[in-house]
Amino acid sequence: MTALQQLPKLGASACVWKDGKVLLVQRAKPPLGLWSLPGGHVEFGETALVAAKRELLEESGVTADLTEFVGLYEIIREKPALHYAIACYGGMWRSGTARASSDALDARWLAPAELDSLDFAPNVREAIARARTLLGF
């Protein structure tokens, strides 16, 4: 089996809201420094929803009630060969203080008005907008 036959890879992310602000993490791995939703790879035997909750806790120290399927977002590049399908779930903060850990340089709660000046990983703006609509704010 070649490396290309092992693509796409499945990932999961969490779009979590608290007091009108969304939780974002700054990536510590390529694409380094971009802002993203907490997330990562789905492990064998794990559902995408469980992976989103696990990655959320690992990267930010936060737990949430992820009640909405926001969408499936794909990242496809030819050089280097890369194809991720990322299942995004949205919901409300349950517990924890946002702090960077694991694969994150920083973790912050940001109001929608603060997002315009940030450099985002692919599809993040779209996922945030869709989550806001689904969650009703």
C-alpha atoms as a PDB file:
ATOM      1  CA  MET A   1       0.000   0.000   0.000  1.00  0.00           C
ATOM      2  CA  THR A   2       1.399   3.397  -0.961  1.00  0.00           C
ATOM      3  CA  ALA A   3       1.130   6.524   1.129  1.00  0.00           C
ATOM      4  CA  LEU A   4      -1.503   7.921  -1.248  1.00  0.00           C
ATOM      5  CA  GLN A   5      -3.658   4.836  -0.722  1.00  0.00           C
ATOM      6  CA  GLN A   6      -3.740   5.703   2.978  1.00  0.00           C
ATOM      7  CA  LEU A   7      -5.414   9.049   2.275  1.00  0.00           C
ATOM      8  CA  PRO A   8      -7.766  10.644   3.190  1.00  0.00           C
ATOM      9  CA  LYS A   9      -7.251  10.723   6.938  1.00  0.00           C
ATOM     10  CA  LEU A  10     -10.162  11.344   9.266  1.00  0.00           C
ATOM     11  CA  GLY A  11     -10.017  14.152  11.805  1.00  0.00           C
ATOM     12  CA  ALA A  12     -12.460  15.749  14.223  1.00  0.00           C
ATOM     13  CA  SER A  13     -12.771  19.242  15.673  1.00  0.00           C
ATOM     14  CA  ALA A  14     -14.876  21.097  18.234  1.00  0.00           C
ATOM     15  CA  CYS A  15     -16.421  24.548  17.826  1.00  0.00           C
ATOM     16  CA  VAL A  16     -17.163  25.450  21.443  1.00  0.00           C
ATOM     17  CA  TRP A  17     -18.933  28.574  22.674  1.00  0.00           C
ATOM     18  CA  LYS A  18     -19.073  30.284  26.065  1.00  0.00           C
ATOM     19  CA  ASP A  19     -20.658  33.663  26.816  1.00  0.00           C
ATOM     20  CA  GLY A  20     -20.838  34.547  23.116  1.00  0.00           C
ATOM     21  CA  LYS A  21     -17.173  33.697  22.481  1.00  0.00           C
ATOM     22  CA  VAL A  22     -15.652  30.827  20.532  1.00  0.00           C
ATOM     23  CA  LEU A  23     -12.674  28.795  21.730  1.00  0.00           C
ATOM     24  CA  LEU A  24      -9.690  28.871  19.383  1.00  0.00           C
ATOM     25  CA  VAL A  25      -6.228  27.375  19.591  1.00  0.00           C
ATOM     26  CA  GLN A  26      -3.058  28.511  17.874  1.00  0.00           C
ATOM     27  CA  ARG A  27      -1.364  25.598  16.149  1.00  0.00           C
ATOM     28  CA  ALA A  28       2.014  24.387  17.403  1.00  0.00           C
ATOM     29  CA  LYS A  29       2.399  22.078  14.366  1.00  0.00           C
ATOM     30  CA  PRO A  30       2.238  22.893  10.653  1.00  0.00           C
ATOM     31  CA  PRO A  31       0.617  25.035   9.595  1.00  0.00           C
ATOM     32  CA  LEU A  32       2.397  26.597  12.565  1.00  0.00           C
ATOM     33  CA  GLY A  33       0.879  29.685  14.159  1.00  0.00           C
ATOM     34  CA  LEU A  34      -2.485  29.567  12.408  1.00  0.00           C
ATOM     35  CA  TRP A  35      -5.616  29.713  14.540  1.00  0.00           C
ATOM     36  CA  SER A  36      -7.914  26.734  14.481  1.00  0.00           C
ATOM     37  CA  LEU A  37     -10.616  24.871  16.318  1.00  0.00           C
ATOM     38  CA  PRO A  38      -9.316  22.280  18.777  1.00  0.00           C
ATOM     39  CA  GLY A  39      -9.099  18.964  16.992  1.00  0.00           C
ATOM     40  CA  GLY A  40      -6.989  16.173  15.593  1.00  0.00           C
ATOM     41  CA  HIS A  41      -6.932  12.610  14.305  1.00  0.00           C
ATOM     42  CA  VAL A  42      -9.664  10.082  14.941  1.00  0.00           C
ATOM     43  CA  GLU A  43      -8.085   6.982  16.453  1.00  0.00           C
ATOM     44  CA  PHE A  44      -8.997   3.417  15.464  1.00  0.00           C
ATOM     45  CA  GLY A  45     -12.227   2.316  17.154  1.00  0.00           C
ATOM     46  CA  GLU A  46     -13.156   5.864  18.152  1.00  0.00           C
ATOM     47  CA  THR A  47     -16.129   7.772  16.758  1.00  0.00           C
ATOM     48  CA  ALA A  48     -15.511  11.229  15.337  1.00  0.00           C
ATOM     49  CA  LEU A  49     -17.618  12.765  18.121  1.00  0.00           C
ATOM     50  CA  VAL A  50     -15.603  11.034  20.839  1.00  0.00           C
ATOM     51  CA  ALA A  51     -12.392  12.133  19.095  1.00  0.00           C
ATOM     52  CA  ALA A  52     -13.607  15.760  19.005  1.00  0.00           C
ATOM     53  CA  LYS A  53     -14.278  15.673  22.758  1.00  0.00           C
ATOM     54  CA  ARG A  54     -10.909  14.022  23.481  1.00  0.00           C
ATOM     55  CA  GLU A  55      -8.952  16.444  21.322  1.00  0.00           C
ATOM     56  CA  LEU A  56     -10.804  19.403  22.853  1.00  0.00           C
ATOM     57  CA  LEU A  57      -9.746  18.343  26.342  1.00  0.00           C
ATOM     58  CA  GLU A  58      -6.176  17.461  25.302  1.00  0.00           C
ATOM     59  CA  GLU A  59      -5.531  20.728  23.463  1.00  0.00           C
ATOM     60  CA  SER A  60      -7.380  23.192  25.677  1.00  0.00           C
ATOM     61  CA  GLY A  61      -8.366  21.670  29.026  1.00  0.00           C
ATOM     62  CA  VAL A  62     -12.046  22.328  28.233  1.00  0.00           C
ATOM     63  CA  THR A  63     -15.042  19.999  28.081  1.00  0.00           C
ATOM     64  CA  ALA A  64     -18.247  20.765  26.181  1.00  0.00           C
ATOM     65  CA  ASP A  65     -21.655  19.449  25.273  1.00  0.00           C
ATOM     66  CA  LEU A  66     -21.157  18.920  21.534  1.00  0.00           C
ATOM     67  CA  THR A  67     -24.757  18.724  20.346  1.00  0.00           C
ATOM     68  CA  GLU A  68     -24.546  19.807  16.709  1.00  0.00           C
ATOM     69  CA  PHE A  69     -22.846  18.288  13.691  1.00  0.00           C
ATOM     70  CA  VAL A  70     -21.447  21.411  12.028  1.00  0.00           C
ATOM     71  CA  GLY A  71     -20.165  19.736   8.884  1.00  0.00           C
ATOM     72  CA  LEU A  72     -17.456  17.762   7.138  1.00  0.00           C
ATOM     73  CA  TYR A  73     -14.588  19.934   5.954  1.00  0.00           C
ATOM     74  CA  GLU A  74     -11.854  18.741   3.627  1.00  0.00           C
ATOM     75  CA  ILE A  75      -8.286  19.887   3.151  1.00  0.00           C
ATOM     76  CA  ILE A  76      -6.673  18.600  -0.042  1.00  0.00           C
ATOM     77  CA  ARG A  77      -3.192  19.463  -1.278  1.00  0.00           C
ATOM     78  CA  GLU A  78      -1.059  17.854  -3.971  1.00  0.00           C
ATOM     79  CA  LYS A  79       2.432  18.828  -2.781  1.00  0.00           C
ATOM     80  CA  PRO A  80       3.004  17.451  -0.299  1.00  0.00           C
ATOM     81  CA  ALA A  81       0.160  14.961  -0.753  1.00  0.00           C
ATOM     82  CA  LEU A  82      -2.390  15.671   1.935  1.00  0.00           C
ATOM     83  CA  HIS A  83      -6.077  14.908   2.298  1.00  0.00           C
ATOM     84  CA  TYR A  84      -7.978  15.315   5.548  1.00  0.00           C
ATOM     85  CA  ALA A  85     -11.713  14.971   6.090  1.00  0.00           C
ATOM     86  CA  ILE A  86     -12.550  16.755   9.352  1.00  0.00           C
ATOM     87  CA  ALA A  87     -15.860  16.185  11.120  1.00  0.00           C
ATOM     88  CA  CYS A  88     -16.706  19.323  13.092  1.00  0.00           C
ATOM     89  CA  TYR A  89     -19.067  19.341  16.080  1.00  0.00           C
ATOM     90  CA  GLY A  90     -20.425  22.413  17.825  1.00  0.00           C
ATOM     91  CA  GLY A  91     -21.728  23.048  21.292  1.00  0.00           C
ATOM     92  CA  MET A  92     -21.526  24.851  24.568  1.00  0.00           C
ATOM     93  CA  TRP A  93     -18.753  24.923  27.162  1.00  0.00           C
ATOM     94  CA  ARG A  94     -19.297  22.642  30.149  1.00  0.00           C
ATOM     95  CA  SER A  95     -16.135  22.968  32.266  1.00  0.00           C
ATOM     96  CA  GLY A  96     -12.458  23.815  32.322  1.00  0.00           C
ATOM     97  CA  THR A  97     -10.263  26.848  31.929  1.00  0.00           C
ATOM     98  CA  ALA A  98      -8.899  27.380  28.422  1.00  0.00           C
ATOM     99  CA  ARG A  99      -5.140  26.761  28.370  1.00  0.00           C
ATOM    100  CA  ALA A 100      -2.772  25.734  25.640  1.00  0.00           C
ATOM    101  CA  SER A 101      -1.449  22.195  25.883  1.00  0.00           C
ATOM    102  CA  SER A 102      -0.589  19.278  23.622  1.00  0.00           C
ATOM    103  CA  ASP A 103      -0.516  20.629  20.036  1.00  0.00           C
ATOM    104  CA  ALA A 104      -1.415  24.256  20.852  1.00  0.00           C
ATOM    105  CA  LEU A 105       0.714  27.366  21.392  1.00  0.00           C
ATOM    106  CA  ASP A 106      -2.208  29.362  22.792  1.00  0.00           C
ATOM    107  CA  ALA A 107      -5.895  28.906  23.620  1.00  0.00           C
ATOM    108  CA  ARG A 108      -8.353  31.802  23.834  1.00  0.00           C
ATOM    109  CA  TRP A 109     -12.043  32.628  23.995  1.00  0.00           C
ATOM    110  CA  LEU A 110     -12.676  35.233  21.296  1.00  0.00           C
ATOM    111  CA  ALA A 111     -15.739  37.251  20.348  1.00  0.00           C
ATOM    112  CA  PRO A 112     -16.796  37.125  16.684  1.00  0.00           C
ATOM    113  CA  ALA A 113     -15.682  40.761  16.239  1.00  0.00           C
ATOM    114  CA  GLU A 114     -12.130  39.772  17.230  1.00  0.00           C
ATOM    115  CA  LEU A 115     -11.747  37.128  14.519  1.00  0.00           C
ATOM    116  CA  ASP A 116     -11.103  39.355  11.497  1.00  0.00           C
ATOM    117  CA  SER A 117      -7.458  40.022  12.357  1.00  0.00           C
ATOM    118  CA  LEU A 118      -6.495  36.343  12.814  1.00  0.00           C
ATOM    119  CA  ASP A 119      -4.876  33.990  10.307  1.00  0.00           C
ATOM    120  CA  PHE A 120      -6.935  30.796  10.225  1.00  0.00           C
ATOM    121  CA  ALA A 121      -6.324  27.231   9.151  1.00  0.00           C
ATOM    122  CA  PRO A 122      -8.493  26.198   6.156  1.00  0.00           C
ATOM    123  CA  ASN A 123     -12.278  26.041   6.648  1.00  0.00           C
ATOM    124  CA  VAL A 124     -12.240  27.427  10.210  1.00  0.00           C
ATOM    125  CA  ARG A 125     -14.135  30.640   9.437  1.00  0.00           C
ATOM    126  CA  GLU A 126     -16.834  28.648   7.645  1.00  0.00           C
ATOM    127  CA  ALA A 127     -17.171  26.176  10.528  1.00  0.00           C
ATOM    128  CA  ILE A 128     -17.465  28.995  13.082  1.00  0.00           C
ATOM    129  CA  ALA A 129     -20.177  30.728  11.038  1.00  0.00           C
ATOM    130  CA  ARG A 130     -22.138  27.486  10.580  1.00  0.00           C
ATOM    131  CA  ALA A 131     -21.871  26.602  14.282  1.00  0.00           C
ATOM    132  CA  ARG A 132     -23.180  30.054  15.235  1.00  0.00           C
ATOM    133  CA  THR A 133     -26.204  29.511  12.989  1.00  0.00           C
ATOM    134  CA  LEU A 134     -26.879  25.988  14.269  1.00  0.00           C
ATOM    135  CA  LEU A 135     -26.552  27.047  17.900  1.00  0.00           C
ATOM    136  CA  GLY A 136     -28.805  30.063  17.350  1.00  0.00           C
ATOM    137  CA  PHE A 137     -26.573  33.069  17.962  1.00  0.00           C
END
